[in-house]
């Protein structure tokens, strides 16, 4: 149990998940390294028809991904995706597997 702002929570606190680095891969995939030092590959294709992500269908825009305040962003921060989504739906990889 732990307490934050006088509210008791069960379990142990989990540290905030942050993105340390990101780079685009072919076929609308992202290579992502997290604050846990885990590396995952995230397939972005299923999200490209979501209205907020439609600009990323342009591969030139998609490839401009960068990390800002520990979040993957595009278009000067107009488009972003939560680290938790990338982590939960990403596939764990060994860096040597994609070298």
C-alpha atoms as a PDB file:
ATOM      1  CA  UNK A   1       0.000   0.000   0.000  1.00  0.00           C
ATOM      2  CA  UNK A   2       1.106   3.547  -0.658  1.00  0.00           C
ATOM      3  CA  UNK A   3      -0.387   6.981  -0.082  1.00  0.00           C
ATOM      4  CA  UNK A   4      -0.452   9.991  -2.400  1.00  0.00           C
ATOM      5  CA  UNK A   5      -2.249  13.194  -1.416  1.00  0.00           C
ATOM      6  CA  UNK A   6      -3.891  11.434   1.543  1.00  0.00           C
ATOM      7  CA  UNK A   7      -5.354   8.710  -0.704  1.00  0.00           C
ATOM      8  CA  UNK A   8      -4.352   5.100  -0.013  1.00  0.00           C
ATOM      9  CA  UNK A   9      -3.677   2.830  -2.994  1.00  0.00           C
ATOM     10  CA  UNK A  10      -3.265  -0.950  -3.012  1.00  0.00           C
ATOM     11  CA  UNK A  11      -0.056  -2.503  -4.288  1.00  0.00           C
ATOM     12  CA  UNK A  12       3.170  -0.720  -5.002  1.00  0.00           C
ATOM     13  CA  UNK A  13       3.539   2.509  -6.951  1.00  0.00           C
ATOM     14  CA  UNK A  14       4.642   2.063 -10.526  1.00  0.00           C
ATOM     15  CA  UNK A  15       7.069   4.575 -11.976  1.00  0.00           C
ATOM     16  CA  UNK A  16       5.827   6.753 -14.807  1.00  0.00           C
ATOM     17  CA  UNK A  17       6.637   5.135 -18.146  1.00  0.00           C
ATOM     18  CA  UNK A  18       8.734   7.395 -20.378  1.00  0.00           C
ATOM     19  CA  UNK A  19      10.182   7.116 -23.842  1.00  0.00           C
ATOM     20  CA  UNK A  20      13.947   7.511 -23.995  1.00  0.00           C
ATOM     21  CA  UNK A  21      14.280   7.244 -27.775  1.00  0.00           C
ATOM     22  CA  UNK A  22      12.226   6.466 -30.858  1.00  0.00           C
ATOM     23  CA  UNK A  23      12.943   5.932 -34.521  1.00  0.00           C
ATOM     24  CA  UNK A  24      10.762   5.085 -37.495  1.00  0.00           C
ATOM     25  CA  UNK A  25      11.121   1.743 -39.215  1.00  0.00           C
ATOM     26  CA  UNK A  26       9.658   0.615 -42.518  1.00  0.00           C
ATOM     27  CA  UNK A  27       5.988  -0.216 -42.951  1.00  0.00           C
ATOM     28  CA  UNK A  28       4.756   2.318 -40.353  1.00  0.00           C
ATOM     29  CA  UNK A  29       6.496   0.742 -37.391  1.00  0.00           C
ATOM     30  CA  UNK A  30       8.315   2.451 -34.539  1.00  0.00           C
ATOM     31  CA  UNK A  31      11.340   1.248 -32.603  1.00  0.00           C
ATOM     32  CA  UNK A  32      10.942   2.537 -29.046  1.00  0.00           C
ATOM     33  CA  UNK A  33      13.257   2.438 -26.007  1.00  0.00           C
ATOM     34  CA  UNK A  34      11.499   3.045 -22.705  1.00  0.00           C
ATOM     35  CA  UNK A  35      12.673   4.353 -19.338  1.00  0.00           C
ATOM     36  CA  UNK A  36      12.686   0.718 -18.191  1.00  0.00           C
ATOM     37  CA  UNK A  37      15.455   0.117 -20.801  1.00  0.00           C
ATOM     38  CA  UNK A  38      13.116  -2.256 -22.627  1.00  0.00           C
ATOM     39  CA  UNK A  39      12.908  -1.985 -26.402  1.00  0.00           C
ATOM     40  CA  UNK A  40       9.734  -2.654 -28.371  1.00  0.00           C
ATOM     41  CA  UNK A  41       8.473  -2.438 -31.934  1.00  0.00           C
ATOM     42  CA  UNK A  42       5.062  -0.814 -32.332  1.00  0.00           C
ATOM     43  CA  UNK A  43       2.987  -1.313 -35.487  1.00  0.00           C
ATOM     44  CA  UNK A  44       1.245   1.977 -36.199  1.00  0.00           C
ATOM     45  CA  UNK A  45      -0.749   0.802 -39.247  1.00  0.00           C
ATOM     46  CA  UNK A  46      -3.956  -0.057 -37.326  1.00  0.00           C
ATOM     47  CA  UNK A  47      -4.128   3.535 -36.020  1.00  0.00           C
ATOM     48  CA  UNK A  48      -3.621   5.374 -39.306  1.00  0.00           C
ATOM     49  CA  UNK A  49      -7.369   5.663 -40.046  1.00  0.00           C
ATOM     50  CA  UNK A  50      -8.040   7.327 -36.692  1.00  0.00           C
ATOM     51  CA  UNK A  51      -8.747  11.004 -37.542  1.00  0.00           C
ATOM     52  CA  UNK A  52      -6.001  12.320 -35.270  1.00  0.00           C
ATOM     53  CA  UNK A  53      -3.362  10.114 -36.946  1.00  0.00           C
ATOM     54  CA  UNK A  54      -4.398  10.551 -40.622  1.00  0.00           C
ATOM     55  CA  UNK A  55      -1.544  13.036 -41.292  1.00  0.00           C
ATOM     56  CA  UNK A  56       0.874  10.218 -40.440  1.00  0.00           C
ATOM     57  CA  UNK A  57      -0.210   8.289 -43.548  1.00  0.00           C
ATOM     58  CA  UNK A  58       2.254  10.557 -45.332  1.00  0.00           C
ATOM     59  CA  UNK A  59       5.468   8.579 -44.806  1.00  0.00           C
ATOM     60  CA  UNK A  60       7.535  11.773 -44.813  1.00  0.00           C
ATOM     61  CA  UNK A  61       5.501  13.033 -41.846  1.00  0.00           C
ATOM     62  CA  UNK A  62       5.544   9.658 -40.058  1.00  0.00           C
ATOM     63  CA  UNK A  63       9.331   9.504 -40.324  1.00  0.00           C
ATOM     64  CA  UNK A  64       9.657  12.849 -38.509  1.00  0.00           C
ATOM     65  CA  UNK A  65       8.803  11.268 -35.140  1.00  0.00           C
ATOM     66  CA  UNK A  66      10.811  12.522 -32.169  1.00  0.00           C
ATOM     67  CA  UNK A  67      10.712  12.490 -28.373  1.00  0.00           C
ATOM     68  CA  UNK A  68       9.434  15.560 -26.546  1.00  0.00           C
ATOM     69  CA  UNK A  69       8.968  15.456 -22.769  1.00  0.00           C
ATOM     70  CA  UNK A  70       9.294  11.641 -22.867  1.00  0.00           C
ATOM     71  CA  UNK A  71       6.466  11.210 -25.408  1.00  0.00           C
ATOM     72  CA  UNK A  72       6.623  10.298 -29.130  1.00  0.00           C
ATOM     73  CA  UNK A  73       5.389  13.292 -31.148  1.00  0.00           C
ATOM     74  CA  UNK A  74       5.021  14.598 -34.700  1.00  0.00           C
ATOM     75  CA  UNK A  75       4.194  17.973 -36.297  1.00  0.00           C
ATOM     76  CA  UNK A  76       5.738  20.149 -33.600  1.00  0.00           C
ATOM     77  CA  UNK A  77       3.810  18.281 -30.919  1.00  0.00           C
ATOM     78  CA  UNK A  78       0.393  18.526 -32.604  1.00  0.00           C
ATOM     79  CA  UNK A  79       0.250  14.722 -32.800  1.00  0.00           C
ATOM     80  CA  UNK A  80       1.379  12.422 -30.017  1.00  0.00           C
ATOM     81  CA  UNK A  81       0.815   8.952 -28.640  1.00  0.00           C
ATOM     82  CA  UNK A  82       0.959   7.827 -25.023  1.00  0.00           C
ATOM     83  CA  UNK A  83       4.016   5.837 -23.952  1.00  0.00           C
ATOM     84  CA  UNK A  84       1.653   3.408 -22.218  1.00  0.00           C
ATOM     85  CA  UNK A  85      -0.026   2.569 -25.558  1.00  0.00           C
ATOM     86  CA  UNK A  86       3.317   1.995 -27.271  1.00  0.00           C
ATOM     87  CA  UNK A  87       4.444  -0.186 -24.379  1.00  0.00           C
ATOM     88  CA  UNK A  88       1.249  -2.223 -23.994  1.00  0.00           C
ATOM     89  CA  UNK A  89       0.830  -2.939 -27.712  1.00  0.00           C
ATOM     90  CA  UNK A  90       4.489  -3.083 -28.682  1.00  0.00           C
ATOM     91  CA  UNK A  91       6.386  -6.311 -29.253  1.00  0.00           C
ATOM     92  CA  UNK A  92       9.515  -6.747 -27.158  1.00  0.00           C
ATOM     93  CA  UNK A  93      12.701  -7.042 -29.193  1.00  0.00           C
ATOM     94  CA  UNK A  94      16.373  -7.446 -28.647  1.00  0.00           C
ATOM     95  CA  UNK A  95      18.303  -4.571 -30.289  1.00  0.00           C
ATOM     96  CA  UNK A  96      20.384  -7.142 -32.172  1.00  0.00           C
ATOM     97  CA  UNK A  97      17.209  -8.488 -33.824  1.00  0.00           C
ATOM     98  CA  UNK A  98      16.684  -5.271 -35.816  1.00  0.00           C
ATOM     99  CA  UNK A  99      20.282  -4.252 -36.455  1.00  0.00           C
END
